[in-house]
Amino acid sequence: MSTMFADTLLIVFISVCTALLAEGITWVLVYRTDKYKRLKAEVEKQSKKLEKKKETITESAGRQQKKKIERQEEKLKNNNRDLSMVRMKSMFAIGFCFTALMGMFNSIFDGRVVAKLPFTPLSYIQGLSHRNLLGDDTTDCSFIFLYILCTMSIRQDAYHSMACQAVPCLHLGSEPANPGPPKWNVGT
């Protein structure tokens, strides 16, 4: 049981380190660049400008005013797209690093129960939570499942501790919003 506890602590430590590594790579490749800073400032400026125009617009607003707002929304979408492209290079670097690290850690923890879950996972998650483990006890937890859970929770804290600020984003058909830190599928 103490080996399992040590493995669990080691995996949490690994999660913290890899989350910090990912945010460090993102900071070096994205957040400190002039292009990102310029695009971020432009998006924030356009978002505020668009919000003000939308607040002042009335329902009986002219067609001309509505077209101006649509053009500004289109500009904002284009700048958000450019911002996503700037983040893309860090996504590739992080993906490459994590693939190498996952291969190494999977071989180290292969077939070892690293934690005992206090619940029985849903059937479609059991393939991940019980991956490469012997036996039928579905409350046994594999490395990959614990690592993913820890990384998902720790990465948000690592993002905020490095004082990275998310930019307002225009979602189709909605007001500009501050979506918080980028998610895995958006790229960081």
N, C-alpha and C. Protein backbone atom coordinates (compact mmCIF):
# COMPACT_ATOMS: atom_id res chain seq x y z
N MET A 1 0.83 -1.20 0.00
CA MET A 1 0.00 0.00 0.00
C MET A 1 0.87 1.26 0.00
N SER A 2 2.01 1.24 0.71
CA SER A 2 2.87 2.43 0.74
C SER A 2 3.51 2.67 -0.62
N THR A 3 3.76 1.61 -1.40
CA THR A 3 4.29 1.77 -2.75
C THR A 3 3.27 2.48 -3.63
N MET A 4 2.00 2.14 -3.46
CA MET A 4 0.94 2.78 -4.22
C MET A 4 0.87 4.27 -3.87
N PHE A 5 0.98 4.58 -2.58
CA PHE A 5 0.95 5.98 -2.15
C PHE A 5 2.14 6.76 -2.71
N ALA A 6 3.31 6.14 -2.71
CA ALA A 6 4.50 6.77 -3.27
C ALA A 6 4.33 7.00 -4.77
N ASP A 7 3.76 6.02 -5.48
CA ASP A 7 3.50 6.18 -6.91
C ASP A 7 2.52 7.32 -7.17
N THR A 8 1.48 7.40 -6.34
CA THR A 8 0.49 8.46 -6.50
C THR A 8 1.13 9.82 -6.32
N LEU A 9 1.94 9.98 -5.29
CA LEU A 9 2.63 11.26 -5.06
C LEU A 9 3.60 11.57 -6.20
N LEU A 10 4.27 10.56 -6.70
CA LEU A 10 5.19 10.76 -7.82
C LEU A 10 4.43 11.23 -9.06
N ILE A 11 3.28 10.65 -9.32
CA ILE A 11 2.49 11.04 -10.49
C ILE A 11 1.97 12.47 -10.34
N VAL A 12 1.56 12.84 -9.14
CA VAL A 12 1.13 14.23 -8.91
C VAL A 12 2.31 15.17 -9.15
N PHE A 13 3.47 14.81 -8.67
CA PHE A 13 4.67 15.62 -8.89
C PHE A 13 4.99 15.72 -10.38
N ILE A 14 4.91 14.61 -11.09
CA ILE A 14 5.15 14.60 -12.54
C ILE A 14 4.14 15.51 -13.24
N SER A 15 2.89 15.47 -12.80
CA SER A 15 1.84 16.31 -13.39
C SER A 15 2.16 17.79 -13.19
N VAL A 16 2.59 18.14 -11.99
CA VAL A 16 2.95 19.54 -11.71
C VAL A 16 4.11 19.96 -12.61
N CYS A 17 5.12 19.12 -12.69
CA CYS A 17 6.29 19.45 -13.51
C CYS A 17 5.95 19.59 -14.99
N THR A 18 5.16 18.68 -15.51
CA THR A 18 4.81 18.76 -16.93
C THR A 18 3.88 19.93 -17.22
N ALA A 19 3.00 20.26 -16.28
CA ALA A 19 2.13 21.43 -16.47
C ALA A 19 2.96 22.71 -16.48
N LEU A 20 3.91 22.80 -15.57
CA LEU A 20 4.80 23.96 -15.55
C LEU A 20 5.67 24.01 -16.81
N LEU A 21 6.14 22.86 -17.26
CA LEU A 21 6.92 22.80 -18.49
C LEU A 21 6.08 23.28 -19.68
N ALA A 22 4.85 22.82 -19.76
CA ALA A 22 3.97 23.23 -20.87
C ALA A 22 3.72 24.73 -20.84
N GLU A 23 3.44 25.26 -19.68
CA GLU A 23 3.20 26.70 -19.59
C GLU A 23 4.47 27.49 -19.84
N GLY A 24 5.61 26.95 -19.43
CA GLY A 24 6.89 27.60 -19.72
C GLY A 24 7.17 27.65 -21.21
N ILE A 25 6.92 26.54 -21.89
CA ILE A 25 7.10 26.50 -23.35
C ILE A 25 6.16 27.49 -24.01
N THR A 26 4.93 27.53 -23.55
CA THR A 26 3.96 28.47 -24.12
C THR A 26 4.40 29.91 -23.89
N TRP A 27 4.91 30.19 -22.72
CA TRP A 27 5.36 31.55 -22.42
C TRP A 27 6.52 31.94 -23.34
N VAL A 28 7.48 31.02 -23.51
CA VAL A 28 8.64 31.31 -24.35
C VAL A 28 8.24 31.48 -25.81
N LEU A 29 7.40 30.58 -26.30
CA LEU A 29 7.06 30.60 -27.72
C LEU A 29 5.91 31.53 -28.09
N VAL A 30 5.07 31.90 -27.10
CA VAL A 30 3.88 32.69 -27.44
C VAL A 30 3.78 33.97 -26.63
N TYR A 31 3.56 33.86 -25.34
CA TYR A 31 3.15 35.00 -24.53
C TYR A 31 4.16 36.14 -24.46
N ARG A 32 5.43 35.86 -24.62
CA ARG A 32 6.41 36.94 -24.54
C ARG A 32 6.73 37.56 -25.90
N THR A 33 6.17 37.03 -26.98
CA THR A 33 6.47 37.55 -28.31
C THR A 33 5.72 38.85 -28.57
N ASP A 34 6.33 39.70 -29.38
CA ASP A 34 5.72 40.98 -29.72
C ASP A 34 4.45 40.80 -30.54
N LYS A 35 4.46 39.81 -31.43
CA LYS A 35 3.29 39.57 -32.27
C LYS A 35 2.07 39.21 -31.41
N TYR A 36 2.27 38.33 -30.42
CA TYR A 36 1.17 37.96 -29.54
C TYR A 36 0.68 39.16 -28.75
N LYS A 37 1.59 39.93 -28.20
CA LYS A 37 1.22 41.10 -27.39
C LYS A 37 0.44 42.11 -28.24
N ARG A 38 0.90 42.31 -29.47
CA ARG A 38 0.22 43.26 -30.36
C ARG A 38 -1.18 42.76 -30.71
N LEU A 39 -1.30 41.48 -31.07
CA LEU A 39 -2.61 40.92 -31.41
C LEU A 39 -3.54 40.92 -30.21
N LYS A 40 -3.01 40.60 -29.04
CA LYS A 40 -3.82 40.59 -27.83
C LYS A 40 -4.36 41.98 -27.53
N ALA A 41 -3.49 42.99 -27.63
CA ALA A 41 -3.93 44.37 -27.38
C ALA A 41 -4.98 44.79 -28.40
N GLU A 42 -4.79 44.39 -29.65
CA GLU A 42 -5.75 44.75 -30.70
C GLU A 42 -7.11 44.09 -30.45
N VAL A 43 -7.10 42.83 -30.06
CA VAL A 43 -8.35 42.11 -29.78
C VAL A 43 -9.07 42.75 -28.59
N GLU A 44 -8.33 43.08 -27.54
CA GLU A 44 -8.95 43.72 -26.38
C GLU A 44 -9.55 45.07 -26.75
N LYS A 45 -8.81 45.85 -27.54
CA LYS A 45 -9.30 47.16 -27.97
C LYS A 45 -10.56 47.02 -28.82
N GLN A 46 -10.53 46.10 -29.76
CA GLN A 46 -11.70 45.89 -30.63
C GLN A 46 -12.89 45.37 -29.84
N SER A 47 -12.65 44.52 -28.86
CA SER A 47 -13.75 43.98 -28.04
C SER A 47 -14.44 45.09 -27.26
N LYS A 48 -13.64 45.95 -26.64
CA LYS A 48 -14.22 47.07 -25.88
C LYS A 48 -14.99 48.00 -26.80
N LYS A 49 -14.42 48.28 -27.96
CA LYS A 49 -15.07 49.17 -28.93
C LYS A 49 -16.39 48.57 -29.40
N LEU A 50 -16.38 47.26 -29.66
CA LEU A 50 -17.58 46.58 -30.12
C LEU A 50 -18.65 46.55 -29.03
N GLU A 51 -18.22 46.31 -27.79
CA GLU A 51 -19.18 46.31 -26.67
C GLU A 51 -19.86 47.66 -26.53
N LYS A 52 -19.07 48.73 -26.63
CA LYS A 52 -19.65 50.08 -26.52
C LYS A 52 -20.65 50.34 -27.63
N LYS A 53 -20.30 49.93 -28.86
CA LYS A 53 -21.23 50.14 -29.97
C LYS A 53 -22.50 49.33 -29.79
N LYS A 54 -22.38 48.12 -29.29
CA LYS A 54 -23.56 47.28 -29.09
C LYS A 54 -24.44 47.83 -27.97
N GLU A 55 -23.82 48.45 -26.98
CA GLU A 55 -24.61 49.04 -25.89
C GLU A 55 -25.40 50.26 -26.38
N THR A 56 -24.80 51.04 -27.28
CA THR A 56 -25.46 52.26 -27.74
C THR A 56 -26.47 52.02 -28.85
N ILE A 57 -26.39 50.87 -29.47
CA ILE A 57 -27.30 50.58 -30.58
C ILE A 57 -28.72 50.31 -30.04
N THR A 58 -29.68 50.79 -30.74
CA THR A 58 -31.07 50.55 -30.37
C THR A 58 -31.68 49.58 -31.38
N GLU A 59 -32.87 49.13 -31.06
CA GLU A 59 -33.52 48.18 -31.97
C GLU A 59 -33.91 48.83 -33.28
N SER A 60 -34.11 50.12 -33.24
CA SER A 60 -34.48 50.82 -34.47
C SER A 60 -33.24 51.39 -35.17
N ALA A 61 -32.09 50.85 -34.85
CA ALA A 61 -30.84 51.33 -35.45
C ALA A 61 -30.85 51.10 -36.95
N GLY A 62 -30.19 51.98 -37.60
CA GLY A 62 -30.15 51.90 -39.05
C GLY A 62 -29.32 50.75 -39.56
N ARG A 63 -29.58 50.45 -40.77
CA ARG A 63 -28.88 49.35 -41.42
C ARG A 63 -27.38 49.63 -41.50
N GLN A 64 -27.04 50.90 -41.68
CA GLN A 64 -25.64 51.32 -41.77
C GLN A 64 -24.90 50.99 -40.48
N GLN A 65 -25.53 51.27 -39.35
CA GLN A 65 -24.91 51.02 -38.04
C GLN A 65 -24.73 49.51 -37.81
N LYS A 66 -25.71 48.74 -38.21
CA LYS A 66 -25.61 47.29 -38.04
C LYS A 66 -24.49 46.72 -38.91
N LYS A 67 -24.30 47.26 -40.11
CA LYS A 67 -23.22 46.80 -40.98
C LYS A 67 -21.85 47.13 -40.39
N LYS A 68 -21.74 48.29 -39.74
CA LYS A 68 -20.48 48.66 -39.08
C LYS A 68 -20.14 47.67 -37.97
N ILE A 69 -21.16 47.30 -37.23
CA ILE A 69 -20.95 46.34 -36.14
C ILE A 69 -20.54 44.99 -36.73
N GLU A 70 -21.17 44.57 -37.80
CA GLU A 70 -20.81 43.30 -38.43
C GLU A 70 -19.37 43.31 -38.94
N ARG A 71 -18.94 44.45 -39.50
CA ARG A 71 -17.56 44.56 -39.97
C ARG A 71 -16.58 44.46 -38.81
N GLN A 72 -16.92 45.11 -37.70
CA GLN A 72 -16.04 45.04 -36.52
C GLN A 72 -16.00 43.62 -35.96
N GLU A 73 -17.13 42.94 -35.95
CA GLU A 73 -17.15 41.55 -35.49
C GLU A 73 -16.28 40.68 -36.39
N GLU A 74 -16.33 40.93 -37.68
CA GLU A 74 -15.50 40.17 -38.62
C GLU A 74 -14.02 40.44 -38.38
N LYS A 75 -13.66 41.70 -38.13
CA LYS A 75 -12.27 42.05 -37.82
C LYS A 75 -11.80 41.33 -36.56
N LEU A 76 -12.67 41.33 -35.56
CA LEU A 76 -12.35 40.69 -34.29
C LEU A 76 -12.16 39.18 -34.48
N LYS A 77 -13.03 38.57 -35.28
CA LYS A 77 -12.88 37.13 -35.56
C LYS A 77 -11.56 36.85 -36.27
N ASN A 78 -11.18 37.70 -37.21
CA ASN A 78 -9.92 37.52 -37.93
C ASN A 78 -8.72 37.65 -36.98
N ASN A 79 -8.77 38.63 -36.09
CA ASN A 79 -7.67 38.79 -35.14
C ASN A 79 -7.61 37.61 -34.16
N ASN A 80 -8.76 37.10 -33.75
CA ASN A 80 -8.77 35.91 -32.89
C ASN A 80 -8.19 34.70 -33.62
N ARG A 81 -8.49 34.59 -34.89
CA ARG A 81 -7.94 33.50 -35.70
C ARG A 81 -6.41 33.64 -35.78
N ASP A 82 -5.93 34.85 -36.00
CA ASP A 82 -4.49 35.09 -36.06
C ASP A 82 -3.83 34.76 -34.72
N LEU A 83 -4.51 35.09 -33.64
CA LEU A 83 -4.01 34.79 -32.30
C LEU A 83 -3.91 33.28 -32.10
N SER A 84 -4.89 32.55 -32.58
CA SER A 84 -4.85 31.09 -32.49
C SER A 84 -3.69 30.52 -33.30
N MET A 85 -3.41 31.11 -34.43
CA MET A 85 -2.30 30.64 -35.26
C MET A 85 -0.97 30.89 -34.55
N VAL A 86 -0.85 31.99 -33.82
CA VAL A 86 0.37 32.27 -33.07
C VAL A 86 0.56 31.20 -31.99
N ARG A 87 -0.52 30.78 -31.37
CA ARG A 87 -0.46 29.75 -30.32
C ARG A 87 -0.16 28.36 -30.88
N MET A 88 -0.38 28.17 -32.17
CA MET A 88 -0.24 26.86 -32.78
C MET A 88 1.16 26.28 -32.62
N LYS A 89 2.20 27.11 -32.76
CA LYS A 89 3.55 26.57 -32.67
C LYS A 89 3.85 26.01 -31.29
N SER A 90 3.28 26.60 -30.26
CA SER A 90 3.50 26.05 -28.92
C SER A 90 2.74 24.74 -28.76
N MET A 91 1.59 24.62 -29.40
CA MET A 91 0.84 23.36 -29.35
C MET A 91 1.66 22.22 -29.90
N PHE A 92 2.35 22.45 -31.01
CA PHE A 92 3.18 21.40 -31.61
C PHE A 92 4.35 21.04 -30.71
N ALA A 93 5.00 22.04 -30.12
CA ALA A 93 6.13 21.78 -29.23
C ALA A 93 5.68 21.00 -28.00
N ILE A 94 4.58 21.41 -27.42
CA ILE A 94 4.05 20.73 -26.24
C ILE A 94 3.62 19.31 -26.59
N GLY A 95 2.98 19.15 -27.73
CA GLY A 95 2.57 17.81 -28.17
C GLY A 95 3.75 16.89 -28.33
N PHE A 96 4.83 17.38 -28.92
CA PHE A 96 6.02 16.57 -29.11
C PHE A 96 6.63 16.18 -27.75
N CYS A 97 6.78 17.15 -26.85
CA CYS A 97 7.34 16.87 -25.52
C CYS A 97 6.48 15.87 -24.75
N PHE A 98 5.17 16.09 -24.76
CA PHE A 98 4.28 15.21 -23.99
C PHE A 98 4.24 13.80 -24.56
N THR A 99 4.36 13.67 -25.87
CA THR A 99 4.37 12.34 -26.46
C THR A 99 5.61 11.57 -26.01
N ALA A 100 6.74 12.24 -26.00
CA ALA A 100 7.98 11.59 -25.55
C ALA A 100 7.89 11.24 -24.07
N LEU A 101 7.41 12.17 -23.26
CA LEU A 101 7.30 11.92 -21.82
C LEU A 101 6.28 10.82 -21.51
N MET A 102 5.17 10.81 -22.22
CA MET A 102 4.14 9.79 -21.96
C MET A 102 4.66 8.40 -22.27
N GLY A 103 5.42 8.28 -23.34
CA GLY A 103 5.99 6.98 -23.68
C GLY A 103 6.92 6.48 -22.58
N MET A 104 7.74 7.38 -22.05
CA MET A 104 8.67 7.01 -20.99
C MET A 104 7.92 6.64 -19.71
N PHE A 105 6.96 7.46 -19.31
CA PHE A 105 6.23 7.20 -18.06
C PHE A 105 5.33 5.97 -18.17
N ASN A 106 4.76 5.75 -19.35
CA ASN A 106 3.94 4.56 -19.54
C ASN A 106 4.76 3.29 -19.36
N SER A 107 5.98 3.31 -19.85
CA SER A 107 6.83 2.12 -19.70
C SER A 107 7.25 1.93 -18.24
N ILE A 108 7.44 2.99 -17.50
CA ILE A 108 7.82 2.90 -16.08
C ILE A 108 6.67 2.34 -15.25
N PHE A 109 5.46 2.84 -15.48
CA PHE A 109 4.30 2.46 -14.66
C PHE A 109 3.43 1.38 -15.30
N ASP A 110 3.90 0.75 -16.36
CA ASP A 110 3.10 -0.25 -17.07
C ASP A 110 2.72 -1.41 -16.16
N GLY A 111 1.42 -1.67 -16.04
CA GLY A 111 0.91 -2.80 -15.26
C GLY A 111 0.87 -2.58 -13.76
N ARG A 112 1.20 -1.37 -13.30
CA ARG A 112 1.21 -1.10 -11.86
C ARG A 112 -0.05 -0.33 -11.46
N VAL A 113 -0.66 -0.77 -10.38
CA VAL A 113 -1.79 -0.05 -9.80
C VAL A 113 -1.19 1.12 -9.02
N VAL A 114 -1.53 2.34 -9.41
CA VAL A 114 -0.93 3.51 -8.77
C VAL A 114 -1.87 4.17 -7.77
N ALA A 115 -3.14 3.82 -7.82
CA ALA A 115 -4.11 4.39 -6.87
C ALA A 115 -5.36 3.51 -6.85
N LYS A 116 -6.13 3.68 -5.82
CA LYS A 116 -7.41 2.97 -5.68
C LYS A 116 -8.50 4.04 -5.77
N LEU A 117 -9.38 3.93 -6.74
CA LEU A 117 -10.44 4.90 -6.92
C LEU A 117 -11.56 4.67 -5.91
N PRO A 118 -12.14 5.73 -5.36
CA PRO A 118 -13.24 5.58 -4.40
C PRO A 118 -14.59 5.34 -5.08
N PHE A 119 -14.55 5.11 -6.38
CA PHE A 119 -15.78 4.89 -7.15
C PHE A 119 -15.46 3.93 -8.29
N THR A 120 -16.50 3.40 -8.88
CA THR A 120 -16.33 2.58 -10.08
C THR A 120 -16.57 3.50 -11.28
N PRO A 121 -15.56 3.67 -12.13
CA PRO A 121 -15.72 4.57 -13.27
C PRO A 121 -16.81 4.08 -14.23
N LEU A 122 -17.34 5.01 -15.00
CA LEU A 122 -18.31 4.67 -16.03
C LEU A 122 -17.67 3.68 -17.00
N SER A 123 -18.49 2.87 -17.61
CA SER A 123 -17.97 1.78 -18.46
C SER A 123 -17.07 2.28 -19.59
N TYR A 124 -17.39 3.41 -20.19
CA TYR A 124 -16.58 3.90 -21.30
C TYR A 124 -15.28 4.55 -20.83
N ILE A 125 -15.14 4.81 -19.54
CA ILE A 125 -13.90 5.37 -18.99
C ILE A 125 -13.02 4.25 -18.42
N GLN A 126 -13.61 3.10 -18.14
CA GLN A 126 -12.85 2.01 -17.53
C GLN A 126 -11.68 1.55 -18.39
N GLY A 127 -11.79 1.68 -19.69
CA GLY A 127 -10.68 1.31 -20.56
C GLY A 127 -9.44 2.15 -20.28
N LEU A 128 -9.65 3.40 -19.92
CA LEU A 128 -8.55 4.30 -19.59
C LEU A 128 -8.12 4.15 -18.14
N SER A 129 -9.07 4.03 -17.24
CA SER A 129 -8.74 3.97 -15.82
C SER A 129 -8.10 2.64 -15.44
N HIS A 130 -8.37 1.59 -16.20
CA HIS A 130 -7.86 0.25 -15.88
C HIS A 130 -6.88 -0.22 -16.96
N ARG A 131 -6.30 0.72 -17.70
CA ARG A 131 -5.44 0.40 -18.84
C ARG A 131 -4.18 -0.37 -18.40
N ASN A 132 -3.94 -1.48 -19.07
CA ASN A 132 -2.76 -2.34 -18.85
C ASN A 132 -2.66 -2.89 -17.44
N LEU A 133 -3.77 -2.98 -16.72
CA LEU A 133 -3.75 -3.55 -15.37
C LEU A 133 -4.35 -4.95 -15.41
N LEU A 134 -3.78 -5.83 -14.61
CA LEU A 134 -4.31 -7.18 -14.51
C LEU A 134 -5.43 -7.20 -13.48
N GLY A 135 -6.32 -8.14 -13.59
CA GLY A 135 -7.41 -8.28 -12.62
C GLY A 135 -8.68 -7.60 -13.08
N ASP A 136 -9.74 -7.84 -12.31
CA ASP A 136 -11.06 -7.34 -12.65
C ASP A 136 -11.53 -6.20 -11.76
N ASP A 137 -10.73 -5.77 -10.81
CA ASP A 137 -11.13 -4.70 -9.90
C ASP A 137 -11.08 -3.37 -10.64
N THR A 138 -12.25 -2.84 -11.00
CA THR A 138 -12.30 -1.61 -11.79
C THR A 138 -12.00 -0.36 -10.97
N THR A 139 -11.83 -0.53 -9.64
CA THR A 139 -11.43 0.63 -8.85
C THR A 139 -9.91 0.80 -8.82
N ASP A 140 -9.17 -0.15 -9.41
CA ASP A 140 -7.73 0.02 -9.57
C ASP A 140 -7.50 1.10 -10.62
N CYS A 141 -6.52 1.92 -10.37
CA CYS A 141 -6.27 3.07 -11.26
C CYS A 141 -4.90 2.93 -11.93
N SER A 142 -4.88 3.15 -13.22
CA SER A 142 -3.63 3.10 -13.97
C SER A 142 -2.96 4.47 -13.97
N PHE A 143 -1.70 4.49 -14.38
CA PHE A 143 -0.93 5.74 -14.45
C PHE A 143 -1.61 6.78 -15.32
N ILE A 144 -2.00 6.39 -16.52
CA ILE A 144 -2.51 7.35 -17.49
C ILE A 144 -3.76 8.07 -16.99
N PHE A 145 -4.65 7.36 -16.32
CA PHE A 145 -5.88 7.96 -15.82
C PHE A 145 -5.58 8.98 -14.72
N LEU A 146 -4.76 8.60 -13.76
CA LEU A 146 -4.40 9.52 -12.68
C LEU A 146 -3.62 10.72 -13.21
N TYR A 147 -2.74 10.47 -14.15
CA TYR A 147 -1.95 11.55 -14.74
C TYR A 147 -2.85 12.56 -15.46
N ILE A 148 -3.79 12.07 -16.23
CA ILE A 148 -4.71 12.96 -16.95
C ILE A 148 -5.55 13.78 -15.98
N LEU A 149 -6.08 13.12 -14.95
CA LEU A 149 -6.88 13.86 -13.95
C LEU A 149 -6.06 14.94 -13.26
N CYS A 150 -4.86 14.60 -12.85
CA CYS A 150 -4.01 15.58 -12.17
C CYS A 150 -3.62 16.72 -13.10
N THR A 151 -3.23 16.39 -14.31
CA THR A 151 -2.80 17.41 -15.25
C THR A 151 -3.94 18.37 -15.60
N MET A 152 -5.15 17.83 -15.76
CA MET A 152 -6.28 18.70 -16.08
C MET A 152 -6.52 19.71 -14.97
N SER A 153 -6.37 19.30 -13.73
CA SER A 153 -6.63 20.23 -12.63
C SER A 153 -5.43 21.13 -12.37
N ILE A 154 -4.24 20.61 -12.48
CA ILE A 154 -3.03 21.40 -12.17
C ILE A 154 -2.71 22.40 -13.27
N ARG A 155 -2.99 22.06 -14.51
CA ARG A 155 -2.64 22.95 -15.62
C ARG A 155 -3.34 24.30 -15.50
N GLN A 156 -4.57 24.30 -15.03
CA GLN A 156 -5.27 25.57 -14.85
C GLN A 156 -4.57 26.45 -13.82
N ASP A 157 -4.15 25.83 -12.72
CA ASP A 157 -3.44 26.58 -11.69
C ASP A 157 -2.08 27.06 -12.18
N ALA A 158 -1.40 26.24 -12.94
CA ALA A 158 -0.10 26.63 -13.49
C ALA A 158 -0.27 27.81 -14.43
N TYR A 159 -1.32 27.78 -15.21
CA TYR A 159 -1.60 28.88 -16.14
C TYR A 159 -1.78 30.19 -15.38
N HIS A 160 -2.60 30.15 -14.33
CA HIS A 160 -2.87 31.35 -13.56
C HIS A 160 -1.67 31.79 -12.73
N SER A 161 -0.88 30.85 -12.24
CA SER A 161 0.28 31.22 -11.43
C SER A 161 1.37 31.88 -12.28
N MET A 162 1.40 31.59 -13.55
CA MET A 162 2.37 32.23 -14.43
C MET A 162 1.84 33.56 -14.95
N ALA A 163 0.70 33.98 -14.43
CA ALA A 163 0.10 35.28 -14.75
C ALA A 163 -0.17 35.47 -16.23
N CYS A 164 -0.55 34.41 -16.89
CA CYS A 164 -0.91 34.51 -18.30
C CYS A 164 -2.35 34.98 -18.38
N GLN A 165 -2.58 35.99 -19.17
CA GLN A 165 -3.92 36.54 -19.28
C GLN A 165 -4.55 36.09 -20.58
N ALA A 166 -5.75 35.59 -20.48
CA ALA A 166 -6.49 35.20 -21.68
C ALA A 166 -7.05 36.45 -22.33
N VAL A 167 -7.26 36.37 -23.62
CA VAL A 167 -7.79 37.52 -24.34
C VAL A 167 -9.27 37.33 -24.57
N PRO A 168 -10.00 38.43 -24.68
CA PRO A 168 -11.42 38.30 -24.99
C PRO A 168 -11.58 37.61 -26.34
N CYS A 169 -12.62 36.86 -26.46
CA CYS A 169 -12.83 36.08 -27.67
C CYS A 169 -14.26 36.29 -28.15
N LEU A 170 -14.43 36.38 -29.43
CA LEU A 170 -15.76 36.55 -29.99
C LEU A 170 -16.30 35.19 -30.39
N HIS A 171 -17.38 34.81 -29.78
CA HIS A 171 -18.04 33.56 -30.15
C HIS A 171 -19.19 33.92 -31.06
N LEU A 172 -19.41 33.10 -32.05
CA LEU A 172 -20.46 33.40 -33.02
C LEU A 172 -21.80 33.56 -32.33
N GLY A 173 -22.43 34.67 -32.59
CA GLY A 173 -23.77 34.90 -32.06
C GLY A 173 -23.81 35.27 -30.60
N SER A 174 -22.69 35.69 -30.03
CA SER A 174 -22.71 36.06 -28.63
C SER A 174 -21.85 37.29 -28.40
N GLU A 175 -21.91 37.78 -27.20
CA GLU A 175 -21.12 38.94 -26.82
C GLU A 175 -19.66 38.52 -26.68
N PRO A 176 -18.72 39.45 -26.82
CA PRO A 176 -17.34 39.11 -26.55
C PRO A 176 -17.21 38.67 -25.10
N ALA A 177 -16.38 37.68 -24.87
CA ALA A 177 -16.24 37.14 -23.52
C ALA A 177 -14.79 36.84 -23.24
N ASN A 178 -14.45 36.73 -21.99
CA ASN A 178 -13.12 36.31 -21.60
C ASN A 178 -13.23 34.84 -21.25
N PRO A 179 -12.74 33.95 -22.15
CA PRO A 179 -12.98 32.53 -21.98
C PRO A 179 -12.10 31.87 -20.94
N GLY A 180 -11.19 32.58 -20.32
CA GLY A 180 -10.29 31.95 -19.37
C GLY A 180 -9.12 31.34 -20.11
N PRO A 181 -8.39 30.48 -19.48
CA PRO A 181 -7.20 29.93 -20.10
C PRO A 181 -7.55 29.04 -21.28
N PRO A 182 -6.65 28.97 -22.24
CA PRO A 182 -6.92 28.13 -23.38
C PRO A 182 -7.04 26.67 -22.98
N LYS A 183 -7.88 25.98 -23.64
CA LYS A 183 -8.07 24.56 -23.36
C LYS A 183 -7.17 23.75 -24.28
N TRP A 184 -7.09 22.46 -24.02
CA TRP A 184 -6.22 21.62 -24.82
C TRP A 184 -6.57 21.69 -26.30
N ASN A 185 -7.83 21.73 -26.63
CA ASN A 185 -8.20 21.71 -28.04
C ASN A 185 -8.03 23.05 -28.72
N VAL A 186 -7.87 24.11 -27.94
CA VAL A 186 -7.65 25.42 -28.53
C VAL A 186 -6.17 25.66 -28.75
N GLY A 187 -5.42 25.20 -27.84
CA GLY A 187 -4.00 25.39 -27.96
C GLY A 187 -3.45 26.38 -26.99
N THR A 188 -2.31 26.05 -26.46
CA THR A 188 -1.63 26.96 -25.57
C THR A 188 -0.18 26.98 -25.87
